[in-house]
Amino acid sequence: MVEIEKAHESLELLGLKVGSQILEAKLEKAAKKEFTYLTFLSDLLNEEITDRKRRSEETRTKLSKLPHRKTLEEFDYSFQPSIDSRQIKELSTLAFVKRAENVVFLGPPGVGKTHLAVGLGMQALRSGMTSYYITTAQLIADLKKAEQQGKLERRWKVYLKPDLLIVDEVGYMQLDRHSAELLFRLICSRYERGSISNKCFSEWGELMSDTVIATAILDRLLHHAHVINIRGDSYRIRQRQKSGLMSVPPADIPAMEIPAKE
C-alpha cells in the first residue's frame, strides 16, 4: 500500500491525474491478464493521453464560437444534389488547411453553406487543429471597437491564430469603405493561411463600396480556393412546408443570389 501511495503521489506530481485515478484498476487488470511492465505502462499512459485529447478538443470547441456542432456526416446530400459529396469528402481530410487554401461556399440562403463550413470546423477540431467562427457583421464591429480602444493590433491575433477561420454571412450587409479596408487587411494577413467566406463574386464591388478593394480581396481569396456553388432549395423553407406553415411556394431566388457562406 505504501508503494501504491507513493506511485499516486508521483503521478500527481507529474501532472498525470487520470493515471493516478485509475492506477489501482490498471494494476488489478494487469495482474489478471499477466501484462508485462511495458504493456501495463502503455495502457496507463494511453488512458491519460486519450483524456487529454478529449479535454483539449472540448476546450478548443468552446473557444471556436461555432454556432452549433453539426458535422459533415450529418449533411443531407440528397436534398442538395448540386453538391459533389466527393469534393466535400476530400475537403474533410483538411489537406486544404495544411496547404493554406481557402474554401468558398456560394448559394442562396438556407442551402447548407453554414452547415458545411461548421462541419469543416468541427473536423478541424477533431483533428487537433483550431477553428474560429464569426459573422461578417460581428467581425467588423469587433475590429472597429478594438480600433477605437487602441487595441486593434492585439485583436488581430484572434483572427490570425486559428488554423481555420470561418467568416460567415459575407454579403448580408453593405460595407462602408473603412469596413471594407478592415476586411481586406484581415484577408491579406491570412493570405495563404486559409479562410472561408461568401457572396456572389460579381456583387463584391457594390458590397465593398469600392471596386478596387473588392478586386484585391478576391485576388487573394481566390488565389488558392475551392469554390462550391450550391444551387438548391432552402432547408428552412422545406421544414416550414412540412409543418404546414407555408402552403404557397416562395418566389424563386435570382441566379445571382446571395451566395455563399462559410
Foldseek 3Di string as FASTA:
>chain_A
DVVLVVVLVVCVVVVQNQLSVCVVVLVVVCVVVVPDPVVSVVVSVVVSVVVVLVVQLVVLVVQQPQPDQAAPVPDDCVQFVLFDVVVLVVVLVVVCLVQLAEEEFWEAPQLCQSNSLSNSQSSQSNVVFHHHEDELVRVLVVLVVCVVVVNNVVVLCSLQVGSEYFYWDQQVAAAEQVSLVVVLVSLVSSQSNYYYAWFQLVCQCRRNVHPVSSVSSCCRNVVRYDYRYTYGDHPVVVVCVVVVVDDDDDDDADPNHGITTD
